[in-house]
Protein backbone atom coordinates (compact mmCIF):
# COMPACT_ATOMS: atom_id res chain seq x y z
CA MET A 1 -57.89 -1.22 -13.29
CA PRO A 2 -54.92 -2.61 -10.74
CA LYS A 3 -54.73 -1.01 -7.47
CA ALA A 4 -50.89 0.11 -8.02
CA LEU A 5 -51.71 1.80 -11.07
CA ARG A 6 -54.85 3.26 -9.96
CA LYS A 7 -53.37 4.81 -6.50
CA THR A 8 -50.18 6.17 -9.19
CA ARG A 9 -52.51 7.62 -11.29
CA LYS A 10 -54.43 9.36 -8.26
CA SER A 11 -50.97 10.50 -6.74
CA THR A 12 -49.71 12.42 -9.99
CA ALA A 13 -53.29 14.09 -10.38
CA THR A 14 -52.80 15.25 -6.80
CA LYS A 15 -49.39 16.55 -7.39
CA SER A 16 -50.32 18.27 -10.55
CA THR A 17 -53.34 20.10 -8.86
CA SER A 18 -51.06 21.21 -5.93
CA SER A 19 -48.36 22.31 -8.26
CA LYS A 20 -51.36 24.62 -10.53
CA VAL A 21 -52.79 25.55 -6.92
CA ALA A 22 -49.65 26.92 -5.86
CA ALA A 23 -48.27 28.59 -9.04
CA LYS A 24 -51.47 30.38 -8.94
CA ARG A 25 -50.54 31.55 -5.20
CA ARG A 26 -47.07 32.95 -6.61
CA LYS A 27 -48.47 34.52 -9.50
CA SER A 28 -51.71 36.37 -7.23
CA LYS A 29 -48.82 37.17 -4.12
CA LYS A 30 -48.10 41.13 -4.20
CA PRO A 31 -44.42 41.73 -4.87
CA ARG A 32 -42.60 43.13 -1.55
CA GLN A 33 -42.19 47.19 -1.72
CA PRO A 34 -39.08 48.04 -0.81
CA THR A 35 -38.85 48.97 2.86
CA THR A 36 -37.33 52.30 4.99
CA PRO A 37 -36.70 53.43 8.23
CA VAL A 38 -39.86 52.89 10.70
CA SER A 39 -39.28 56.58 11.54
CA ARG A 40 -39.67 57.40 8.21
CA GLN A 41 -42.86 55.79 7.53
CA ARG A 42 -46.54 56.49 8.91
CA ALA A 43 -49.18 53.82 7.86
CA GLY A 44 -46.95 52.64 5.27
CA ARG A 45 -46.54 55.78 3.65
CA VAL A 46 -43.05 57.42 2.97
CA ALA A 47 -42.28 60.79 4.17
CA SER A 48 -42.47 63.01 0.94
CA PRO A 49 -39.67 65.32 0.23
CA LEU A 50 -40.28 69.09 1.75
CA PRO A 51 -40.90 71.97 -0.91
CA ALA A 52 -37.48 73.80 -1.59
CA ALA A 53 -38.87 76.90 -1.06
CA ALA A 54 -39.91 75.98 2.58
CA LEU A 55 -36.05 75.45 3.69
CA LYS A 56 -34.91 78.82 2.07
CA PRO A 57 -32.66 80.69 4.53
CA GLU A 58 -34.73 83.86 3.68
CA ARG A 59 -37.92 82.22 4.96
CA ILE A 60 -36.25 80.73 7.86
CA ARG A 61 -34.73 83.64 9.38
CA GLN A 62 -37.89 85.43 8.99
CA ILE A 63 -39.80 82.97 10.72
CA LEU A 64 -37.03 83.18 13.75
CA GLU A 65 -37.33 87.31 13.68
CA ARG A 66 -41.42 86.86 14.31
CA LEU A 67 -41.03 84.61 16.97
CA ASP A 68 -38.74 86.90 18.58
CA GLU A 69 -40.92 89.59 18.13
CA ARG A 70 -43.87 88.21 19.74
CA TYR A 71 -41.66 85.85 22.08
CA PRO A 72 -38.54 87.97 23.67
CA ASN A 73 -36.54 86.28 26.77
CA VAL A 74 -38.93 83.50 26.81
CA THR A 75 -37.64 80.88 29.34
CA CYS A 76 -39.14 76.97 30.22
CA ALA A 77 -42.67 77.81 31.93
CA LEU A 78 -41.70 75.11 34.33
CA ASN A 79 -40.87 76.81 37.77
CA HIS A 80 -37.77 75.51 38.89
CA GLN A 81 -34.74 76.90 41.56
CA SER A 82 -31.72 74.29 40.55
CA ALA A 83 -30.67 71.75 37.54
CA TRP A 84 -32.63 68.88 40.14
CA GLU A 85 -36.10 70.64 40.27
CA LEU A 86 -35.98 71.17 36.69
CA LEU A 87 -35.19 67.69 35.86
CA VAL A 88 -38.18 66.06 38.22
CA ALA A 89 -40.47 68.87 36.81
CA THR A 90 -39.55 67.76 33.18
CA ILE A 91 -40.08 64.33 34.19
CA LEU A 92 -43.29 65.35 35.63
CA SER A 93 -44.48 66.61 32.80
CA ALA A 94 -44.83 64.38 30.33
CA GLN A 95 -48.50 63.98 29.10
CA CYS A 96 -49.14 66.93 31.42
CA THR A 97 -49.28 70.54 31.29
CA ASP A 98 -46.75 72.09 32.85
CA ALA A 99 -49.75 75.02 35.12
CA THR A 100 -50.48 71.21 36.57
CA VAL A 101 -46.65 70.77 36.73
CA ASN A 102 -46.59 74.08 38.35
CA LYS A 103 -48.92 73.00 41.21
CA VAL A 104 -47.60 69.91 42.30
CA THR A 105 -43.51 71.12 42.67
CA PRO A 106 -43.98 73.45 45.45
CA GLU A 107 -44.87 70.97 47.63
CA LEU A 108 -43.28 68.59 46.63
CA PHE A 109 -39.51 70.61 46.49
CA LYS A 110 -40.66 71.33 50.44
CA LYS A 111 -41.32 68.20 51.49
CA TYR A 112 -37.85 66.20 49.38
CA PRO A 113 -35.71 69.19 49.03
CA THR A 114 -32.77 67.04 47.72
CA PRO A 115 -31.98 64.39 45.62
CA ALA A 116 -30.82 62.45 48.27
CA ALA A 117 -34.30 63.07 49.77
CA PHE A 118 -35.91 61.34 46.48
CA ALA A 119 -33.22 58.55 46.65
CA ALA A 120 -34.14 57.95 50.29
CA LEU A 121 -37.56 57.16 49.49
CA LYS A 122 -39.49 53.57 47.85
CA PRO A 123 -41.11 54.97 44.16
CA GLU A 124 -44.63 54.18 45.88
CA GLU A 125 -43.99 56.53 48.80
CA LEU A 126 -43.57 58.86 46.24
CA GLU A 127 -47.19 58.76 44.40
CA PRO A 128 -49.29 60.17 46.52
CA ASP A 129 -47.80 63.68 46.04
CA ILE A 130 -47.33 63.41 42.29
CA ARG A 131 -50.69 61.97 41.43
CA PRO A 132 -52.40 64.75 39.68
CA THR A 133 -50.06 65.02 37.21
CA GLY A 134 -51.31 61.23 35.56
CA PHE A 135 -48.49 58.03 34.57
CA PHE A 136 -47.51 58.40 38.43
CA ARG A 137 -46.66 54.80 38.80
CA ASN A 138 -43.97 55.26 36.12
CA LYS A 139 -42.93 58.50 37.28
CA SER A 140 -42.13 57.71 40.96
CA LYS A 141 -40.35 55.09 39.98
CA SER A 142 -37.99 57.20 36.94
CA LEU A 143 -37.64 60.09 39.73
CA VAL A 144 -36.85 57.60 43.04
CA GLY A 145 -34.29 56.19 39.97
CA ALA A 146 -32.83 59.55 38.95
CA ALA A 147 -32.37 60.76 41.95
CA LYS A 148 -30.31 57.17 43.07
CA GLY A 149 -28.34 57.69 39.71
CA VAL A 150 -27.51 61.12 40.80
CA MET A 151 -26.19 60.61 43.64
CA GLN A 152 -24.35 56.98 43.20
CA ASP A 153 -22.92 58.40 39.87
CA PHE A 154 -22.50 62.06 39.46
CA GLY A 155 -22.07 62.85 43.71
CA GLY A 156 -25.54 64.61 43.87
CA GLN A 157 -24.86 66.62 41.30
CA VAL A 158 -27.06 66.79 37.69
CA PRO A 159 -24.41 65.85 35.20
CA ASP A 160 -24.33 68.74 32.22
CA GLU A 161 -23.76 66.39 29.24
CA MET A 162 -25.96 64.53 27.12
CA ASP A 163 -24.80 61.55 27.42
CA GLN A 164 -24.19 60.99 31.06
CA LEU A 165 -28.26 62.93 31.17
CA LEU A 166 -29.24 59.84 29.53
CA THR A 167 -28.00 56.90 31.82
CA LEU A 168 -30.29 58.69 34.30
CA PRO A 169 -34.07 56.52 34.68
CA GLY A 170 -37.01 58.72 32.80
CA VAL A 171 -34.14 60.67 31.05
CA ALA A 172 -34.71 60.52 27.05
CA ARG A 173 -33.60 63.81 24.87
CA LYS A 174 -36.35 65.82 25.21
CA THR A 175 -36.27 65.94 29.36
CA ALA A 176 -32.13 66.25 28.70
CA ASN A 177 -32.45 69.04 26.24
CA VAL A 178 -34.36 71.04 28.32
CA VAL A 179 -32.08 70.49 31.56
CA LEU A 180 -28.79 71.43 29.12
CA GLY A 181 -30.60 74.39 27.41
CA THR A 182 -32.80 75.93 30.19
CA TRP A 183 -30.15 75.28 33.03
CA PHE A 184 -26.90 74.81 31.56
CA LYS A 185 -27.17 77.02 28.68
CA LYS A 186 -25.94 74.68 26.20
CA ALA A 187 -27.36 74.46 22.50
CA VAL A 188 -26.71 70.46 22.06
CA GLY A 189 -30.38 69.58 20.35
CA VAL A 190 -33.82 70.96 20.12
CA VAL A 191 -36.38 70.39 22.27
CA VAL A 192 -39.59 68.58 20.61
CA ASP A 193 -42.68 68.16 22.60
CA THR A 194 -46.17 68.08 20.90
CA HIS A 195 -46.28 71.55 20.26
CA VAL A 196 -42.83 71.57 18.56
CA HIS A 197 -43.99 68.34 16.63
CA ARG A 198 -47.07 69.99 15.53
CA ILE A 199 -46.07 73.62 14.57
CA SER A 200 -42.48 72.00 12.91
CA ARG A 201 -45.04 69.93 10.14
CA ARG A 202 -47.48 72.77 10.03
CA LEU A 203 -44.15 75.14 8.82
CA GLU A 204 -43.03 72.17 6.55
CA LEU A 205 -39.61 72.56 8.69
CA THR A 206 -40.01 68.95 8.38
CA ARG A 207 -42.23 65.41 7.61
CA SER A 208 -41.27 63.54 10.39
CA ASP A 209 -43.76 62.02 13.21
CA ASN A 210 -40.46 60.30 14.67
CA PRO A 211 -39.78 63.27 17.50
CA LYS A 212 -35.68 62.28 16.96
CA ASP A 213 -35.75 62.71 12.84
CA ILE A 214 -37.84 65.83 13.77
CA GLU A 215 -34.64 67.08 15.86
CA GLN A 216 -32.31 66.21 13.36
CA ASP A 217 -34.01 67.72 10.49
CA LEU A 218 -34.49 70.92 12.56
CA MET A 219 -30.92 71.11 14.00
CA LYS A 220 -30.18 71.13 10.00
CA VAL A 221 -32.49 74.34 8.46
CA ILE A 222 -32.12 76.44 12.27
CA PRO A 223 -28.62 78.15 13.45
CA PRO A 224 -27.30 76.77 17.32
CA ALA A 225 -27.58 79.76 18.45
CA LYS A 226 -31.52 79.65 18.07
CA TRP A 227 -31.95 75.83 19.26
CA ILE A 228 -32.73 76.95 22.95
CA ASP A 229 -34.87 79.89 22.14
CA PHE A 230 -36.65 78.56 19.45
CA SER A 231 -37.95 75.31 21.25
CA HIS A 232 -39.66 78.00 24.00
CA GLN A 233 -40.77 80.41 21.86
CA ILE A 234 -42.15 77.52 19.19
CA ILE A 235 -43.84 76.07 22.82
CA HIS A 236 -45.39 79.34 23.98
CA HIS A 237 -46.51 79.80 20.15
CA GLY A 238 -48.42 76.49 20.40
CA ARG A 239 -50.47 76.83 23.56
CA ALA A 240 -51.30 80.66 22.64
CA VAL A 241 -52.15 80.64 19.36
CA CYS A 242 -50.66 77.41 16.75
CA VAL A 243 -53.54 75.01 18.96
CA ALA A 244 -53.73 71.62 17.96
CA ARG A 245 -57.20 72.24 16.58
CA LYS A 246 -58.87 75.13 15.51
CA PRO A 247 -55.51 77.24 15.25
CA LYS A 248 -56.16 81.06 15.47
CA CYS A 249 -54.33 82.24 12.64
CA ALA A 250 -55.79 85.26 11.74
CA GLU A 251 -53.51 86.22 15.02
CA CYS A 252 -50.67 84.79 14.25
CA ASN A 253 -47.92 86.81 12.95
CA LEU A 254 -46.47 83.87 10.28
CA GLU A 255 -49.71 83.75 8.94
CA ASN A 256 -47.95 84.23 5.59
CA LEU A 257 -45.19 81.90 5.89
CA CYS A 258 -47.70 79.16 6.85
CA HIS A 259 -49.18 77.06 4.23
CA ALA A 260 -50.71 74.46 6.64
CA ALA A 261 -53.87 72.89 5.43
CA ASP A 262 -55.72 73.13 8.84
CA LYS A 263 -55.18 76.56 9.08
CA THR A 264 -58.96 78.20 9.81
CA TRP A 265 -58.01 81.63 7.87
CA SER A 266 -55.26 81.69 5.14
CA THR A 267 -53.57 84.49 2.77
CA VAL A 268 -51.69 82.01 0.93
CA GLU A 269 -51.81 79.00 -0.72
CA ILE A 270 -52.08 75.62 0.86
CA HIS A 271 -50.43 72.96 1.13
CA LYS A 272 -52.26 69.96 1.90
CA SER A 273 -49.44 67.93 2.29
CA ALA A 274 -48.48 70.62 5.56
CA LYS A 275 -49.93 69.10 8.55
């Protein structure tokens, strides 16, 4: 057989094989799944809708009334004497207990009593004073940066508007909500910390794992007049009763309103998705 003919047949056979392989791959390829916002996903699963009964106004009213009974006149557990001290303490409380922060801040505020005193520091000078709170390098940068922002942009006064607070280093919505709600008594949103995150899911007030979405879900069902107290009450409840592991359900006055899957004791039906 002439070489040219052999080459043509070989080329045709190669193309045919390649086409079959490509077709096989296309058939075996799974169709793309419709995408949803990342904040509504967890491990590839879309958050399922909440049961309608969970969000009924009567149930929400009972939850709020029982929280009022158990935690009347509750406030922020971080010790402070000014908006600036509260801002500092809240920044320090990230990934740290309030008890530890309260041990650190008395000496810290004695040493550096004003935003101007913090602004004059280099971050590394502040690190030894806040080391017990963890992540002290990042926190020291945030505190010095926030102090400089307060001095340069707001005349040495902590601003009382959400959009202005969010311009300060180290300040996200959680921190801003704490300062606005606790010091300025402004109910702009709901503080979502680890306790609010966990208990809101257990009570089926949200299915989200994203703090921003949890806040929006809570703002839809909790009356604005209760936003500040609700956050403080849930945080106290999360420390005292509804702890992360082995919640003390037998001691909880919300027990018969809660269907959480990880309850340790229950008088009501358990919902597997409530966790």
